[in-house]
Amino acid sequence: MVKSAPVCKSESIGEYVEDVISSLPPDERIIELSEFLEAFGDSSRIKILLALSKHELCTCDISAITGLSVSAVSHQLRVLRDKKIVKYRRDGRNVFYSLDDEHVAAILETAMKHIRERR
């Protein structure tokens, strides 16, 4: 039988641990954040979001830009709408999509900076 090494060598918890614990949001908020970020975990959705960060677009425009079928774009937009990452507006029979707010654009921009700097 192999004994596992203890994770911590100290029996006492660091004084900062209580501060960290008290600063964390409630579990419900953490789950909400996890579900929000999960929507960014698909390359098709990321491509759609990057396109929408440049301009408000209709489903057909997004399809032409991304190379996805209109049906696939509609499905991904539904996911993004449900997570309140994109919003839409109707103009007659047309529906135009855009990023929900500047926070979504900032998340994309920050993530792209992080990726570029890792190279």
N, C-alpha and C. Protein backbone atom coordinates (compact mmCIF):
# COMPACT_ATOMS: atom_id res chain seq x y z
N MET A 1 0.85 -1.17 0.00
CA MET A 1 0.00 0.00 0.00
C MET A 1 0.90 1.24 0.00
N VAL A 2 0.58 2.18 -0.89
CA VAL A 2 1.35 3.42 -1.00
C VAL A 2 0.66 4.48 -0.16
N LYS A 3 1.44 5.10 0.71
CA LYS A 3 0.89 6.19 1.51
C LYS A 3 0.97 7.48 0.71
N SER A 4 -0.08 8.27 0.78
CA SER A 4 -0.05 9.55 0.09
C SER A 4 0.56 10.61 1.01
N ALA A 5 1.29 11.51 0.38
CA ALA A 5 1.92 12.59 1.14
C ALA A 5 0.85 13.59 1.56
N PRO A 6 1.02 14.17 2.74
CA PRO A 6 0.06 15.19 3.15
C PRO A 6 0.12 16.39 2.21
N VAL A 7 -1.03 16.99 1.99
CA VAL A 7 -1.11 18.13 1.10
C VAL A 7 -0.48 19.35 1.76
N CYS A 8 -0.79 19.57 3.00
CA CYS A 8 -0.25 20.70 3.75
C CYS A 8 0.62 20.18 4.88
N LYS A 9 1.72 20.83 5.13
CA LYS A 9 2.61 20.41 6.21
C LYS A 9 2.23 21.07 7.52
N SER A 10 1.43 22.10 7.44
CA SER A 10 1.02 22.82 8.65
C SER A 10 -0.35 22.34 9.09
N GLU A 11 -0.51 22.23 10.36
CA GLU A 11 -1.81 21.84 10.92
C GLU A 11 -2.76 23.03 10.98
N SER A 12 -2.20 24.24 11.00
CA SER A 12 -3.05 25.43 11.12
C SER A 12 -3.35 26.01 9.74
N ILE A 13 -4.49 26.62 9.65
CA ILE A 13 -4.90 27.26 8.41
C ILE A 13 -4.34 28.68 8.41
N GLY A 14 -3.82 29.09 7.25
CA GLY A 14 -3.26 30.43 7.13
C GLY A 14 -4.28 31.50 7.48
N GLU A 15 -3.80 32.60 8.05
CA GLU A 15 -4.71 33.67 8.48
C GLU A 15 -5.50 34.29 7.33
N TYR A 16 -4.97 34.19 6.13
CA TYR A 16 -5.64 34.76 4.95
C TYR A 16 -6.82 33.90 4.49
N VAL A 17 -6.88 32.65 4.89
CA VAL A 17 -7.92 31.74 4.41
C VAL A 17 -9.31 32.25 4.76
N GLU A 18 -9.51 32.69 5.98
CA GLU A 18 -10.82 33.22 6.38
C GLU A 18 -11.19 34.45 5.57
N ASP A 19 -10.20 35.31 5.27
CA ASP A 19 -10.47 36.49 4.44
C ASP A 19 -10.89 36.08 3.04
N VAL A 20 -10.21 35.08 2.49
CA VAL A 20 -10.55 34.61 1.15
C VAL A 20 -11.95 34.00 1.15
N ILE A 21 -12.23 33.16 2.12
CA ILE A 21 -13.55 32.53 2.21
C ILE A 21 -14.65 33.58 2.31
N SER A 22 -14.44 34.59 3.13
CA SER A 22 -15.48 35.61 3.31
C SER A 22 -15.64 36.50 2.08
N SER A 23 -14.63 36.54 1.22
CA SER A 23 -14.72 37.40 0.04
C SER A 23 -15.34 36.69 -1.16
N LEU A 24 -15.47 35.36 -1.08
CA LEU A 24 -16.06 34.62 -2.19
C LEU A 24 -17.57 34.87 -2.28
N PRO A 25 -18.09 34.90 -3.50
CA PRO A 25 -19.55 35.06 -3.64
C PRO A 25 -20.25 33.78 -3.20
N PRO A 26 -21.55 33.86 -3.00
CA PRO A 26 -22.31 32.65 -2.64
C PRO A 26 -22.22 31.59 -3.74
N ASP A 27 -22.40 30.34 -3.36
CA ASP A 27 -22.31 29.24 -4.32
C ASP A 27 -23.24 29.42 -5.51
N GLU A 28 -24.43 29.95 -5.29
CA GLU A 28 -25.37 30.16 -6.40
C GLU A 28 -24.77 31.10 -7.44
N ARG A 29 -24.08 32.14 -6.99
CA ARG A 29 -23.46 33.11 -7.91
C ARG A 29 -22.29 32.46 -8.64
N ILE A 30 -21.54 31.60 -7.96
CA ILE A 30 -20.42 30.90 -8.59
C ILE A 30 -20.94 29.96 -9.68
N ILE A 31 -22.04 29.28 -9.43
CA ILE A 31 -22.65 28.41 -10.43
C ILE A 31 -23.11 29.23 -11.63
N GLU A 32 -23.72 30.37 -11.35
CA GLU A 32 -24.18 31.26 -12.42
C GLU A 32 -23.00 31.72 -13.28
N LEU A 33 -21.89 32.08 -12.64
CA LEU A 33 -20.69 32.50 -13.35
C LEU A 33 -20.14 31.35 -14.19
N SER A 34 -20.12 30.17 -13.64
CA SER A 34 -19.63 28.99 -14.36
C SER A 34 -20.47 28.74 -15.61
N GLU A 35 -21.78 28.84 -15.48
CA GLU A 35 -22.67 28.63 -16.62
C GLU A 35 -22.49 29.73 -17.67
N PHE A 36 -22.27 30.95 -17.22
CA PHE A 36 -22.02 32.07 -18.13
C PHE A 36 -20.74 31.82 -18.93
N LEU A 37 -19.67 31.46 -18.23
CA LEU A 37 -18.39 31.24 -18.89
C LEU A 37 -18.41 30.00 -19.78
N GLU A 38 -19.24 29.04 -19.45
CA GLU A 38 -19.39 27.84 -20.26
C GLU A 38 -19.81 28.19 -21.69
N ALA A 39 -20.59 29.24 -21.84
CA ALA A 39 -21.04 29.66 -23.17
C ALA A 39 -19.88 30.11 -24.05
N PHE A 40 -18.77 30.48 -23.43
CA PHE A 40 -17.59 30.91 -24.18
C PHE A 40 -16.73 29.70 -24.58
N GLY A 41 -17.14 28.50 -24.20
CA GLY A 41 -16.34 27.31 -24.40
C GLY A 41 -16.57 26.59 -25.72
N ASP A 42 -17.12 27.26 -26.69
CA ASP A 42 -17.39 26.64 -27.98
C ASP A 42 -16.83 27.55 -29.08
N SER A 43 -16.03 26.99 -29.99
CA SER A 43 -15.38 27.82 -31.02
C SER A 43 -16.38 28.48 -31.96
N SER A 44 -17.50 27.83 -32.24
CA SER A 44 -18.52 28.46 -33.10
C SER A 44 -19.11 29.69 -32.41
N ARG A 45 -19.40 29.56 -31.13
CA ARG A 45 -19.95 30.71 -30.40
C ARG A 45 -18.93 31.83 -30.29
N ILE A 46 -17.67 31.47 -30.09
CA ILE A 46 -16.62 32.50 -30.02
C ILE A 46 -16.53 33.25 -31.35
N LYS A 47 -16.58 32.53 -32.45
CA LYS A 47 -16.52 33.17 -33.76
C LYS A 47 -17.70 34.11 -33.95
N ILE A 48 -18.87 33.69 -33.53
CA ILE A 48 -20.07 34.55 -33.61
C ILE A 48 -19.87 35.79 -32.75
N LEU A 49 -19.39 35.61 -31.54
CA LEU A 49 -19.19 36.75 -30.63
C LEU A 49 -18.14 37.71 -31.18
N LEU A 50 -17.07 37.19 -31.74
CA LEU A 50 -16.06 38.08 -32.33
C LEU A 50 -16.63 38.87 -33.49
N ALA A 51 -17.47 38.22 -34.30
CA ALA A 51 -18.13 38.93 -35.41
C ALA A 51 -19.05 40.02 -34.87
N LEU A 52 -19.82 39.68 -33.84
CA LEU A 52 -20.75 40.66 -33.26
C LEU A 52 -20.03 41.77 -32.51
N SER A 53 -18.78 41.53 -32.13
CA SER A 53 -18.02 42.60 -31.48
C SER A 53 -17.64 43.69 -32.49
N LYS A 54 -17.73 43.35 -33.76
CA LYS A 54 -17.40 44.32 -34.82
C LYS A 54 -18.63 45.06 -35.34
N HIS A 55 -19.78 44.34 -35.35
CA HIS A 55 -20.96 44.95 -35.97
C HIS A 55 -22.21 44.16 -35.59
N GLU A 56 -23.32 44.85 -35.52
CA GLU A 56 -24.63 44.20 -35.37
C GLU A 56 -24.91 43.43 -36.66
N LEU A 57 -25.39 42.19 -36.53
CA LEU A 57 -25.56 41.34 -37.71
C LEU A 57 -26.84 40.53 -37.63
N CYS A 58 -27.38 40.16 -38.78
CA CYS A 58 -28.52 39.24 -38.83
C CYS A 58 -27.97 37.81 -38.95
N THR A 59 -28.86 36.85 -38.79
CA THR A 59 -28.46 35.44 -38.83
C THR A 59 -27.78 35.08 -40.14
N CYS A 60 -28.31 35.57 -41.25
CA CYS A 60 -27.72 35.26 -42.57
C CYS A 60 -26.31 35.84 -42.69
N ASP A 61 -26.12 37.06 -42.19
CA ASP A 61 -24.78 37.66 -42.20
C ASP A 61 -23.81 36.83 -41.36
N ILE A 62 -24.26 36.41 -40.18
CA ILE A 62 -23.41 35.60 -39.30
C ILE A 62 -23.08 34.28 -39.98
N SER A 63 -24.03 33.69 -40.65
CA SER A 63 -23.81 32.44 -41.38
C SER A 63 -22.73 32.63 -42.45
N ALA A 64 -22.84 33.72 -43.22
CA ALA A 64 -21.86 33.99 -44.28
C ALA A 64 -20.46 34.23 -43.70
N ILE A 65 -20.39 34.91 -42.58
CA ILE A 65 -19.10 35.23 -41.95
C ILE A 65 -18.45 34.00 -41.35
N THR A 66 -19.24 33.18 -40.68
CA THR A 66 -18.69 32.05 -39.93
C THR A 66 -18.59 30.75 -40.73
N GLY A 67 -19.34 30.67 -41.83
CA GLY A 67 -19.36 29.44 -42.58
C GLY A 67 -20.28 28.37 -41.98
N LEU A 68 -21.05 28.75 -40.97
CA LEU A 68 -22.01 27.84 -40.35
C LEU A 68 -23.35 27.96 -41.06
N SER A 69 -24.14 26.91 -41.00
CA SER A 69 -25.48 26.99 -41.59
C SER A 69 -26.33 27.96 -40.77
N VAL A 70 -27.37 28.49 -41.39
CA VAL A 70 -28.28 29.39 -40.68
C VAL A 70 -28.88 28.68 -39.47
N SER A 71 -29.20 27.41 -39.63
CA SER A 71 -29.75 26.63 -38.53
C SER A 71 -28.76 26.53 -37.37
N ALA A 72 -27.50 26.26 -37.68
CA ALA A 72 -26.47 26.17 -36.64
C ALA A 72 -26.26 27.51 -35.95
N VAL A 73 -26.28 28.58 -36.73
CA VAL A 73 -26.13 29.93 -36.16
C VAL A 73 -27.30 30.22 -35.22
N SER A 74 -28.50 29.90 -35.67
CA SER A 74 -29.69 30.14 -34.83
C SER A 74 -29.59 29.38 -33.51
N HIS A 75 -29.12 28.15 -33.58
CA HIS A 75 -28.97 27.35 -32.35
C HIS A 75 -27.96 28.01 -31.41
N GLN A 76 -26.82 28.41 -31.94
CA GLN A 76 -25.79 29.02 -31.10
C GLN A 76 -26.26 30.37 -30.55
N LEU A 77 -26.98 31.13 -31.33
CA LEU A 77 -27.51 32.41 -30.85
C LEU A 77 -28.52 32.19 -29.72
N ARG A 78 -29.28 31.12 -29.81
CA ARG A 78 -30.24 30.80 -28.74
C ARG A 78 -29.50 30.56 -27.43
N VAL A 79 -28.41 29.81 -27.50
CA VAL A 79 -27.59 29.55 -26.31
C VAL A 79 -27.06 30.87 -25.75
N LEU A 80 -26.54 31.71 -26.62
CA LEU A 80 -25.97 32.99 -26.19
C LEU A 80 -27.03 33.94 -25.65
N ARG A 81 -28.22 33.91 -26.22
CA ARG A 81 -29.33 34.73 -25.70
C ARG A 81 -29.74 34.25 -24.32
N ASP A 82 -29.85 32.93 -24.15
CA ASP A 82 -30.25 32.38 -22.86
C ASP A 82 -29.29 32.77 -21.74
N LYS A 83 -28.01 32.93 -22.09
CA LYS A 83 -26.99 33.31 -21.10
C LYS A 83 -26.85 34.83 -21.00
N LYS A 84 -27.68 35.55 -21.76
CA LYS A 84 -27.67 37.02 -21.78
C LYS A 84 -26.31 37.58 -22.22
N ILE A 85 -25.75 36.91 -23.24
CA ILE A 85 -24.48 37.34 -23.81
C ILE A 85 -24.71 38.13 -25.09
N VAL A 86 -25.80 37.81 -25.80
CA VAL A 86 -26.20 38.60 -26.96
C VAL A 86 -27.65 39.04 -26.78
N LYS A 87 -27.98 40.08 -27.49
CA LYS A 87 -29.37 40.57 -27.49
C LYS A 87 -29.78 40.73 -28.95
N TYR A 88 -31.06 40.94 -29.16
CA TYR A 88 -31.53 41.11 -30.53
C TYR A 88 -32.56 42.22 -30.58
N ARG A 89 -32.75 42.70 -31.82
CA ARG A 89 -33.81 43.67 -32.07
C ARG A 89 -34.43 43.31 -33.41
N ARG A 90 -35.73 43.56 -33.49
CA ARG A 90 -36.46 43.30 -34.74
C ARG A 90 -36.57 44.59 -35.55
N ASP A 91 -36.42 44.43 -36.85
CA ASP A 91 -36.61 45.52 -37.78
C ASP A 91 -37.44 44.95 -38.92
N GLY A 92 -38.77 45.08 -38.79
CA GLY A 92 -39.67 44.44 -39.74
C GLY A 92 -39.56 42.94 -39.59
N ARG A 93 -39.24 42.26 -40.70
CA ARG A 93 -39.10 40.80 -40.66
C ARG A 93 -37.68 40.37 -40.28
N ASN A 94 -36.77 41.31 -40.20
CA ASN A 94 -35.38 40.99 -39.91
C ASN A 94 -35.10 41.07 -38.41
N VAL A 95 -34.18 40.23 -37.95
CA VAL A 95 -33.74 40.21 -36.57
C VAL A 95 -32.23 40.44 -36.58
N PHE A 96 -31.79 41.42 -35.83
CA PHE A 96 -30.38 41.77 -35.76
C PHE A 96 -29.85 41.48 -34.36
N TYR A 97 -28.65 40.91 -34.32
CA TYR A 97 -28.02 40.53 -33.06
C TYR A 97 -26.83 41.42 -32.77
N SER A 98 -26.58 41.62 -31.48
CA SER A 98 -25.40 42.36 -31.03
C SER A 98 -25.00 41.81 -29.66
N LEU A 99 -23.82 42.18 -29.22
CA LEU A 99 -23.39 41.78 -27.89
C LEU A 99 -24.31 42.44 -26.87
N ASP A 100 -24.58 41.76 -25.79
CA ASP A 100 -25.52 42.27 -24.79
C ASP A 100 -25.07 43.59 -24.19
N ASP A 101 -23.77 43.71 -23.88
CA ASP A 101 -23.26 44.97 -23.34
C ASP A 101 -21.75 45.01 -23.47
N GLU A 102 -21.17 46.09 -23.00
CA GLU A 102 -19.72 46.30 -23.14
C GLU A 102 -18.91 45.30 -22.31
N HIS A 103 -19.52 44.69 -21.32
CA HIS A 103 -18.80 43.69 -20.51
C HIS A 103 -18.43 42.47 -21.35
N VAL A 104 -19.33 42.06 -22.22
CA VAL A 104 -19.06 40.91 -23.07
C VAL A 104 -17.89 41.23 -24.01
N ALA A 105 -17.90 42.42 -24.58
CA ALA A 105 -16.80 42.84 -25.45
C ALA A 105 -15.49 42.88 -24.66
N ALA A 106 -15.54 43.34 -23.43
CA ALA A 106 -14.33 43.40 -22.59
C ALA A 106 -13.81 42.01 -22.27
N ILE A 107 -14.70 41.06 -22.02
CA ILE A 107 -14.29 39.69 -21.75
C ILE A 107 -13.57 39.12 -22.97
N LEU A 108 -14.15 39.31 -24.15
CA LEU A 108 -13.51 38.81 -25.38
C LEU A 108 -12.15 39.47 -25.60
N GLU A 109 -12.09 40.77 -25.41
CA GLU A 109 -10.84 41.50 -25.61
C GLU A 109 -9.77 41.04 -24.63
N THR A 110 -10.13 40.89 -23.37
CA THR A 110 -9.18 40.44 -22.36
C THR A 110 -8.69 39.03 -22.66
N ALA A 111 -9.60 38.15 -23.06
CA ALA A 111 -9.22 36.77 -23.38
C ALA A 111 -8.27 36.74 -24.58
N MET A 112 -8.55 37.56 -25.59
CA MET A 112 -7.67 37.61 -26.77
C MET A 112 -6.29 38.14 -26.39
N LYS A 113 -6.23 39.14 -25.54
CA LYS A 113 -4.93 39.66 -25.08
C LYS A 113 -4.16 38.56 -24.36
N HIS A 114 -4.85 37.83 -23.52
CA HIS A 114 -4.21 36.74 -22.78
C HIS A 114 -3.62 35.70 -23.74
N ILE A 115 -4.38 35.33 -24.76
CA ILE A 115 -3.93 34.33 -25.74
C ILE A 115 -2.72 34.86 -26.51
N ARG A 116 -2.77 36.11 -26.94
CA ARG A 116 -1.67 36.70 -27.70
C ARG A 116 -0.39 36.77 -26.85
N GLU A 117 -0.52 37.09 -25.60
CA GLU A 117 0.64 37.25 -24.72
C GLU A 117 1.27 35.91 -24.33
N ARG A 118 0.54 34.84 -24.46
CA ARG A 118 1.08 33.52 -24.12
C ARG A 118 2.03 32.99 -25.16
N ARG A 119 2.04 33.58 -26.32
CA ARG A 119 2.89 33.08 -27.42
C ARG A 119 4.32 33.47 -27.21
